[in-house]
């Protein structure tokens, strides 16, 4: 319900964002299953970046697209309150996922007398010293494998009200500040502490904030400023060339012959392609993909209303619970493949069973969601391309 005197903010939903997040959720599920041949369908096998870049950018884009007009209309406090509440919700979701995921692994390891699970997913220390590590978990310093991305979102959403305030007033200068912070973080090795002592976050928030707030910048008007660049045929050619270059380099990771063809000076320039600190090779590869996707995937494409894409779009519309569910399903799939067979038929079956369960859960959530929210959430389950009717 809009407050009196507040101009309505109504924008049509962009199903492309839901679709991309749905595809990303399925890719993350597959990537979390070790040695699954079906995971060859995911983005990371053919280029420098993966689904993480798309999730971070889309969440940042929605932040700027949804909340910047509200802040610009003088509703900074209500917008900040909602964003801080969203960060708290993600924090609670992370803790519940942490406890349930740890219990799932501990029970499986004990039931099947296989301590490999505890070591493989980095929960052995927690089970041995829960009194010490519970405080580390509460402060986001201790995270099992596959639970690294939610803490990144929590930190970015926590600081987003201040950055939004700056973006509304000085968008280009704010992006310069974000780029400077990124450069300093890489040069001085800035990162948040993690457990054990000396370790750091897998997703460095000082580096990944660049992609998140670049998305916010695009969402609050930057996209229009870049339209001339986006429509350039030269830029399109460079994007295609970069994607082909990345494909060749990634293929050398699987072929000794191809690797031998890469000159040593180029290897020194390329590596390491660091995910923790968002290497520029990953960033540029993501931008190249965005140029091609946005050029050919139009907002009014009839396929977005196709029943064949409906499962992916539904998953993208409920991405926070679906992400959490996908973490559980990926461990379950891994357990099945370890305890029983790991042939192609079994890998195919558990992978597509996971897709079916995720789709069913998204359908149930969609049916249960009868009352619209006053604000549209940002982060994992932001409603892609929609805005609230008022502040």
Protein backbone atom coordinates (compact mmCIF):
# COMPACT_ATOMS: atom_id res chain seq x y z
CA UNK A 1 0.00 0.00 0.00
CA UNK A 2 1.46 3.32 -1.02
CA UNK A 3 1.60 6.18 1.44
CA UNK A 4 -0.39 9.27 0.60
CA UNK A 5 1.52 11.72 -1.54
CA UNK A 6 4.00 9.10 -2.69
CA UNK A 7 4.29 8.61 -6.42
CA UNK A 8 3.79 4.99 -7.44
CA UNK A 9 6.72 2.97 -8.69
CA UNK A 10 5.34 0.39 -11.09
CA UNK A 11 7.58 -1.39 -13.58
CA UNK A 12 6.74 -4.46 -15.60
CA UNK A 13 8.47 -7.66 -14.58
CA UNK A 14 11.49 -8.68 -16.67
CA UNK A 15 11.27 -12.45 -17.06
CA UNK A 16 14.75 -12.58 -18.59
CA UNK A 17 16.25 -12.02 -15.14
CA UNK A 18 14.11 -14.79 -13.64
CA UNK A 19 15.17 -17.10 -16.45
CA UNK A 20 18.87 -16.36 -16.00
CA UNK A 21 18.67 -16.89 -12.25
CA UNK A 22 16.81 -20.15 -12.78
CA UNK A 23 19.51 -21.36 -15.16
CA UNK A 24 22.11 -20.24 -12.61
CA UNK A 25 20.43 -22.21 -9.82
CA UNK A 26 20.45 -25.38 -11.86
CA UNK A 27 24.09 -24.80 -12.79
CA UNK A 28 25.07 -24.24 -9.15
CA UNK A 29 23.29 -27.46 -8.19
CA UNK A 30 25.25 -29.39 -10.83
CA UNK A 31 28.57 -27.71 -10.01
CA UNK A 32 28.18 -28.74 -6.35
CA UNK A 33 28.04 -32.43 -7.32
CA UNK A 34 31.64 -33.68 -7.62
CA UNK A 35 32.49 -35.73 -10.72
CA UNK A 36 29.03 -35.43 -12.27
CA UNK A 37 29.22 -35.73 -16.04
CA UNK A 38 26.02 -33.67 -16.39
CA UNK A 39 27.90 -30.71 -14.89
CA UNK A 40 29.61 -30.39 -18.27
CA UNK A 41 26.48 -28.47 -19.22
CA UNK A 42 27.43 -25.61 -16.91
CA UNK A 43 29.09 -22.35 -17.82
CA UNK A 44 32.33 -22.85 -15.91
CA UNK A 45 33.45 -25.60 -18.32
CA UNK A 46 33.52 -23.27 -21.33
CA UNK A 47 34.76 -19.93 -20.05
CA UNK A 48 36.41 -18.03 -17.23
CA UNK A 49 33.27 -17.13 -15.25
CA UNK A 50 30.36 -19.16 -13.92
CA UNK A 51 26.86 -18.70 -12.49
CA UNK A 52 28.19 -16.75 -9.48
CA UNK A 53 28.91 -13.67 -11.61
CA UNK A 54 25.38 -13.67 -13.01
CA UNK A 55 23.80 -13.97 -9.58
CA UNK A 56 25.87 -11.16 -8.10
CA UNK A 57 25.29 -8.83 -11.07
CA UNK A 58 21.55 -9.48 -11.30
CA UNK A 59 21.12 -8.91 -7.56
CA UNK A 60 23.01 -5.64 -7.82
CA UNK A 61 21.00 -4.64 -10.89
CA UNK A 62 17.74 -5.22 -9.02
CA UNK A 63 19.06 -3.22 -6.10
CA UNK A 64 19.56 -0.17 -8.30
CA UNK A 65 16.49 -0.79 -10.46
CA UNK A 66 14.08 -1.18 -7.54
CA UNK A 67 15.45 0.92 -4.71
CA UNK A 68 17.24 3.82 -6.40
CA UNK A 69 13.96 5.48 -7.50
CA UNK A 70 12.63 5.07 -3.96
CA UNK A 71 15.72 6.66 -2.45
CA UNK A 72 15.59 9.42 -5.09
CA UNK A 73 11.98 10.11 -4.08
CA UNK A 74 13.10 10.88 -0.53
CA UNK A 75 12.26 7.50 0.98
CA UNK A 76 15.78 6.59 2.08
CA UNK A 77 14.81 5.42 5.59
CA UNK A 78 12.05 2.99 4.50
CA UNK A 79 14.29 1.59 1.75
CA UNK A 80 17.20 1.19 4.17
CA UNK A 81 14.95 -0.52 6.70
CA UNK A 82 13.81 -3.02 4.11
CA UNK A 83 17.35 -3.72 2.91
CA UNK A 84 18.62 -4.24 6.44
CA UNK A 85 15.70 -6.56 7.12
CA UNK A 86 16.62 -8.45 3.96
CA UNK A 87 20.20 -8.83 5.16
CA UNK A 88 18.89 -10.16 8.47
CA UNK A 89 16.66 -12.68 6.67
CA UNK A 90 19.60 -13.93 4.63
CA UNK A 91 21.70 -14.17 7.80
CA UNK A 92 19.04 -16.31 9.49
CA UNK A 93 18.70 -18.42 6.34
CA UNK A 94 22.46 -18.93 6.27
CA UNK A 95 22.59 -20.06 9.90
CA UNK A 96 19.68 -22.47 9.46
CA UNK A 97 21.26 -23.84 6.29
CA UNK A 98 24.59 -24.18 8.10
CA UNK A 99 23.07 -26.15 10.98
CA UNK A 100 20.92 -28.38 8.79
CA UNK A 101 23.71 -28.99 6.26
CA UNK A 102 26.20 -29.85 8.99
CA UNK A 103 23.72 -32.22 10.63
CA UNK A 104 23.02 -33.83 7.26
CA UNK A 105 26.71 -34.51 6.65
CA UNK A 106 27.38 -35.69 10.22
CA UNK A 107 24.48 -38.14 10.14
CA UNK A 108 25.52 -39.48 6.74
CA UNK A 109 29.14 -39.93 7.83
CA UNK A 110 28.10 -41.79 10.99
CA UNK A 111 25.37 -43.88 9.36
CA UNK A 112 27.61 -45.09 6.55
CA UNK A 113 30.83 -45.08 8.57
CA UNK A 114 32.54 -42.83 6.04
CA UNK A 115 34.48 -39.90 7.56
CA UNK A 116 35.34 -38.68 4.06
CA UNK A 117 32.16 -36.62 4.00
CA UNK A 118 33.15 -34.62 7.08
CA UNK A 119 36.58 -33.82 5.68
CA UNK A 120 35.40 -33.18 2.12
CA UNK A 121 32.82 -30.60 3.18
CA UNK A 122 34.91 -28.96 5.91
CA UNK A 123 32.70 -29.86 8.88
CA UNK A 124 35.07 -32.19 10.77
CA UNK A 125 36.51 -29.38 12.90
CA UNK A 126 33.05 -28.11 13.79
CA UNK A 127 31.89 -31.55 14.91
CA UNK A 128 35.07 -31.97 16.97
CA UNK A 129 34.96 -28.50 18.59
CA UNK A 130 31.39 -27.14 18.35
CA UNK A 131 31.82 -24.98 21.48
CA UNK A 132 34.62 -23.02 19.79
CA UNK A 133 33.38 -22.93 16.21
CA UNK A 134 29.78 -21.94 16.86
CA UNK A 135 30.94 -18.38 17.52
CA UNK A 136 32.99 -18.50 14.31
CA UNK A 137 29.89 -19.60 12.42
CA UNK A 138 27.78 -16.83 13.97
CA UNK A 139 30.31 -14.22 12.86
CA UNK A 140 30.50 -15.77 9.35
CA UNK A 141 34.15 -16.75 9.78
CA UNK A 142 33.52 -20.50 9.61
CA UNK A 143 31.69 -21.84 6.55
CA UNK A 144 31.43 -25.40 5.23
CA UNK A 145 32.05 -26.04 1.55
CA UNK A 146 29.27 -24.71 -0.74
CA UNK A 147 28.04 -22.19 1.87
CA UNK A 148 30.27 -19.26 0.91
CA UNK A 149 27.97 -17.16 -1.25
CA UNK A 150 25.24 -16.16 1.23
CA UNK A 151 27.71 -14.37 3.55
CA UNK A 152 28.87 -12.32 0.56
CA UNK A 153 25.29 -11.23 -0.10
CA UNK A 154 24.72 -10.40 3.56
CA UNK A 155 27.70 -8.03 3.64
CA UNK A 156 26.86 -6.39 0.30
CA UNK A 157 23.21 -5.81 1.21
CA UNK A 158 24.24 -4.41 4.62
CA UNK A 159 26.31 -1.65 3.01
CA UNK A 160 23.95 -1.09 0.07
CA UNK A 161 21.84 1.73 1.63
CA UNK A 162 24.90 3.96 1.85
CA UNK A 163 26.04 3.05 -1.66
CA UNK A 164 22.53 3.61 -3.04
CA UNK A 165 22.48 7.07 -1.50
CA UNK A 166 25.75 7.82 -3.31
CA UNK A 167 24.56 6.26 -6.59
CA UNK A 168 21.47 8.43 -6.66
CA UNK A 169 23.54 11.59 -6.24
CA UNK A 170 26.86 10.83 -7.94
CA UNK A 171 26.50 7.54 -9.87
CA UNK A 172 29.69 7.76 -11.92
CA UNK A 173 31.82 8.95 -9.01
CA UNK A 174 30.42 6.12 -6.88
CA UNK A 175 31.48 3.58 -9.50
CA UNK A 176 34.95 5.11 -9.58
CA UNK A 177 35.12 4.64 -5.81
CA UNK A 178 34.02 1.02 -6.19
CA UNK A 179 36.73 0.41 -8.79
CA UNK A 180 39.37 2.03 -6.56
CA UNK A 181 38.31 -0.18 -3.65
CA UNK A 182 38.60 -3.22 -5.90
CA UNK A 183 42.10 -2.21 -7.01
CA UNK A 184 43.26 -1.55 -3.45
CA UNK A 185 41.79 -4.85 -2.24
CA UNK A 186 43.73 -6.80 -4.86
CA UNK A 187 46.95 -4.84 -4.38
CA UNK A 188 46.97 -4.89 -0.56
CA UNK A 189 45.28 -8.32 -0.23
CA UNK A 190 42.30 -6.96 1.67
CA UNK A 191 39.78 -9.59 2.65
CA UNK A 192 37.69 -10.60 5.66
CA UNK A 193 39.13 -13.15 8.11
CA UNK A 194 37.92 -16.72 8.07
CA UNK A 195 38.54 -19.92 9.99
CA UNK A 196 41.13 -21.37 10.51
CA UNK A 197 43.51 -18.57 11.46
CA UNK A 198 45.10 -16.98 8.42
CA UNK A 199 42.31 -18.02 6.06
CA UNK A 200 40.08 -15.52 4.25
CA UNK A 201 36.64 -15.50 2.65
CA UNK A 202 36.30 -17.51 -0.54
CA UNK A 203 34.26 -14.65 -2.07
CA UNK A 204 36.21 -11.54 -1.16
CA UNK A 205 33.53 -8.85 -0.58
CA UNK A 206 36.04 -6.04 -1.21
CA UNK A 207 36.53 -7.42 -4.74
CA UNK A 208 33.06 -8.78 -5.58
CA UNK A 209 31.44 -5.51 -4.58
CA UNK A 210 32.66 -4.16 -7.94
CA UNK A 211 30.36 -6.48 -9.88
CA UNK A 212 27.46 -6.04 -7.44
CA UNK A 213 27.52 -2.25 -7.51
CA UNK A 214 28.24 -2.16 -11.24
CA UNK A 215 24.95 -4.01 -11.56
CA UNK A 216 23.32 -1.43 -9.27
CA UNK A 217 24.80 1.36 -11.40
CA UNK A 218 23.33 -0.23 -14.53
CA UNK A 219 19.98 -0.67 -12.80
CA UNK A 220 19.65 2.98 -11.84
CA UNK A 221 20.42 4.47 -15.24
CA UNK A 222 23.85 3.25 -16.27
CA UNK A 223 22.38 0.83 -18.80
CA UNK A 224 21.06 3.75 -20.87
CA UNK A 225 24.45 5.48 -20.71
CA UNK A 226 26.12 2.37 -22.14
CA UNK A 227 23.56 1.78 -24.89
CA UNK A 228 25.77 3.24 -27.60
CA UNK A 229 28.55 0.88 -26.54
CA UNK A 230 26.21 -2.09 -26.31
CA UNK A 231 24.87 -1.49 -29.84
CA UNK A 232 28.34 -1.21 -31.37
CA UNK A 233 29.26 -3.96 -33.83
CA UNK A 234 32.89 -3.54 -32.83
CA UNK A 235 32.02 -4.29 -29.20
CA UNK A 236 30.00 -7.32 -30.33
CA UNK A 237 32.99 -8.60 -32.34
CA UNK A 238 35.32 -8.11 -29.39
CA UNK A 239 32.86 -9.96 -27.11
CA UNK A 240 32.65 -12.93 -29.48
CA UNK A 241 36.44 -13.00 -29.87
CA UNK A 242 36.89 -12.95 -26.09
CA UNK A 243 34.43 -15.83 -25.58
CA UNK A 244 36.25 -17.89 -28.22
CA UNK A 245 39.59 -17.07 -26.61
CA UNK A 246 38.29 -18.11 -23.18
CA UNK A 247 36.88 -21.34 -24.63
CA UNK A 248 40.25 -22.29 -26.11
CA UNK A 249 42.08 -21.55 -22.85
CA UNK A 250 39.60 -23.57 -20.78
CA UNK A 251 39.91 -26.50 -23.17
CA UNK A 252 43.66 -26.57 -22.45
CA UNK A 253 42.75 -27.57 -18.88
CA UNK A 254 41.47 -30.85 -20.29
CA UNK A 255 43.95 -31.47 -23.12
CA UNK A 256 47.72 -31.66 -22.73
CA UNK A 257 48.11 -31.19 -26.46
CA UNK A 258 46.16 -27.93 -26.52
CA UNK A 259 48.04 -26.75 -23.45
CA UNK A 260 51.35 -27.29 -25.24
CA UNK A 261 50.23 -24.88 -27.97
CA UNK A 262 49.82 -21.94 -25.57
CA UNK A 263 52.98 -19.78 -25.45
CA UNK A 264 54.62 -19.42 -22.05
CA UNK A 265 54.35 -15.62 -22.03
CA UNK A 266 50.56 -15.88 -22.43
CA UNK A 267 50.35 -18.36 -19.57
CA UNK A 268 52.16 -15.87 -17.32
CA UNK A 269 49.70 -13.14 -18.31
CA UNK A 270 46.57 -15.25 -17.80
CA UNK A 271 47.20 -17.20 -14.61
CA UNK A 272 46.07 -17.35 -11.92
CA UNK A 273 42.46 -16.67 -12.90
CA UNK A 274 41.41 -16.00 -9.35
CA UNK A 275 37.77 -16.42 -8.36
CA UNK A 276 38.22 -15.25 -4.76
CA UNK A 277 39.34 -11.76 -5.81
CA UNK A 278 37.24 -11.62 -9.01
CA UNK A 279 40.01 -11.69 -11.56
CA UNK A 280 39.52 -9.28 -14.45
CA UNK A 281 39.55 -12.19 -16.89
CA UNK A 282 36.38 -13.45 -15.19
CA UNK A 283 34.88 -9.96 -15.15
CA UNK A 284 35.57 -9.36 -18.84
CA UNK A 285 34.22 -12.77 -19.78
CA UNK A 286 31.02 -12.02 -17.90
CA UNK A 287 30.69 -8.66 -19.70
CA UNK A 288 31.19 -10.38 -23.06
CA UNK A 289 28.39 -12.82 -22.29
CA UNK A 290 26.12 -9.99 -21.15
CA UNK A 291 26.70 -8.11 -24.42
CA UNK A 292 25.58 -11.13 -26.43
CA UNK A 293 22.68 -12.15 -24.16
CA UNK A 294 21.15 -8.69 -23.92
CA UNK A 295 21.59 -8.13 -27.65
CA UNK A 296 19.68 -11.25 -28.71
CA UNK A 297 17.49 -12.14 -25.72
CA UNK A 298 14.81 -9.47 -25.98
CA UNK A 299 12.39 -8.58 -23.22
CA UNK A 300 9.37 -9.30 -25.43
CA UNK A 301 10.65 -12.68 -26.67
CA UNK A 302 7.66 -15.01 -26.83
CA UNK A 303 9.71 -17.93 -25.52
CA UNK A 304 9.71 -16.35 -22.06
CA UNK A 305 6.05 -17.36 -21.80
CA UNK A 306 6.74 -20.89 -23.02
CA UNK A 307 5.81 -23.79 -20.75
CA UNK A 308 9.22 -25.31 -21.47
CA UNK A 309 11.00 -22.41 -19.77
CA UNK A 310 8.44 -22.06 -17.00
CA UNK A 311 10.36 -24.37 -14.57
CA UNK A 312 13.50 -22.25 -14.87
CA UNK A 313 11.59 -18.99 -14.48
CA UNK A 314 9.74 -20.30 -11.43
CA UNK A 315 13.03 -21.32 -9.81
CA UNK A 316 14.50 -17.91 -10.56
CA UNK A 317 11.54 -16.21 -8.88
CA UNK A 318 12.21 -18.06 -5.60
CA UNK A 319 15.97 -18.21 -5.67
CA UNK A 320 16.83 -17.99 -1.94
CA UNK A 321 14.87 -21.08 -0.84
CA UNK A 322 15.79 -22.85 -4.07
CA UNK A 323 19.48 -22.16 -3.49
CA UNK A 324 19.23 -23.65 0.01
CA UNK A 325 17.33 -26.65 -1.33
CA UNK A 326 19.90 -27.09 -4.08
CA UNK A 327 22.70 -27.32 -1.51
CA UNK A 328 20.90 -30.21 0.21
CA UNK A 329 20.09 -31.92 -3.05
CA UNK A 330 23.66 -31.65 -4.33
CA UNK A 331 25.00 -33.40 -1.24
CA UNK A 332 22.29 -36.03 -1.54
CA UNK A 333 23.21 -36.61 -5.17
CA UNK A 334 26.89 -36.84 -4.25
CA UNK A 335 26.08 -39.36 -1.50
CA UNK A 336 24.07 -41.54 -3.91
CA UNK A 337 26.86 -41.55 -6.48
CA UNK A 338 29.49 -42.40 -3.85
CA UNK A 339 27.56 -45.12 -2.03
CA UNK A 340 26.17 -46.74 -5.13
CA UNK A 341 27.17 -46.48 -8.75
CA UNK A 342 28.51 -43.42 -10.51
CA UNK A 343 27.90 -44.40 -14.13
CA UNK A 344 26.31 -42.07 -16.64
CA UNK A 345 22.76 -43.38 -16.08
CA UNK A 346 22.97 -42.77 -12.32
CA UNK A 347 24.49 -39.31 -12.80
CA UNK A 348 21.80 -38.43 -15.32
CA UNK A 349 19.05 -39.69 -13.02
CA UNK A 350 20.15 -37.85 -9.85
CA UNK A 351 20.84 -34.63 -11.78
CA UNK A 352 17.44 -34.46 -13.44
CA UNK A 353 15.71 -35.68 -10.29
CA UNK A 354 17.24 -32.65 -8.59
CA UNK A 355 15.86 -30.38 -11.33
CA UNK A 356 12.41 -31.93 -10.87
CA UNK A 357 12.45 -31.48 -7.09
CA UNK A 358 13.60 -27.88 -7.38
CA UNK A 359 10.87 -27.16 -9.94
CA UNK A 360 8.20 -28.77 -7.75
CA UNK A 361 9.35 -26.73 -4.75
CA UNK A 362 9.29 -23.53 -6.81
CA UNK A 363 5.76 -24.35 -8.04
CA UNK A 364 4.55 -24.90 -4.46
CA UNK A 365 6.13 -21.64 -3.31
CA UNK A 366 4.54 -19.83 -6.21
CA UNK A 367 1.12 -21.24 -5.37
CA UNK A 368 1.53 -20.37 -1.70
CA UNK A 369 2.51 -16.79 -2.38
CA UNK A 370 -0.89 -15.15 -2.44
CA UNK A 371 -0.24 -11.83 -0.68
CA UNK A 372 2.19 -9.44 -2.44
CA UNK A 373 4.95 -7.86 -0.37
CA UNK A 374 4.97 -4.10 0.31
CA UNK A 375 8.56 -4.01 -0.92
CA UNK A 376 10.19 -6.23 -3.48
CA UNK A 377 13.21 -8.02 -2.11
CA UNK A 378 16.69 -7.66 -3.46
CA UNK A 379 19.38 -10.31 -3.29
CA UNK A 380 18.56 -13.95 -3.85
CA UNK A 381 14.79 -13.86 -4.22
CA UNK A 382 14.22 -10.38 -5.58
CA UNK A 383 11.33 -10.21 -7.98
CA UNK A 384 13.13 -9.64 -11.21
CA UNK A 385 12.14 -6.49 -12.98
CA UNK A 386 9.29 -5.39 -10.70
CA UNK A 387 8.91 -2.57 -8.25
CA UNK A 388 6.57 -1.90 -5.35
CA UNK A 389 3.57 0.31 -5.80
CA UNK A 390 4.98 2.81 -3.35
CA UNK A 391 7.43 3.48 -0.58
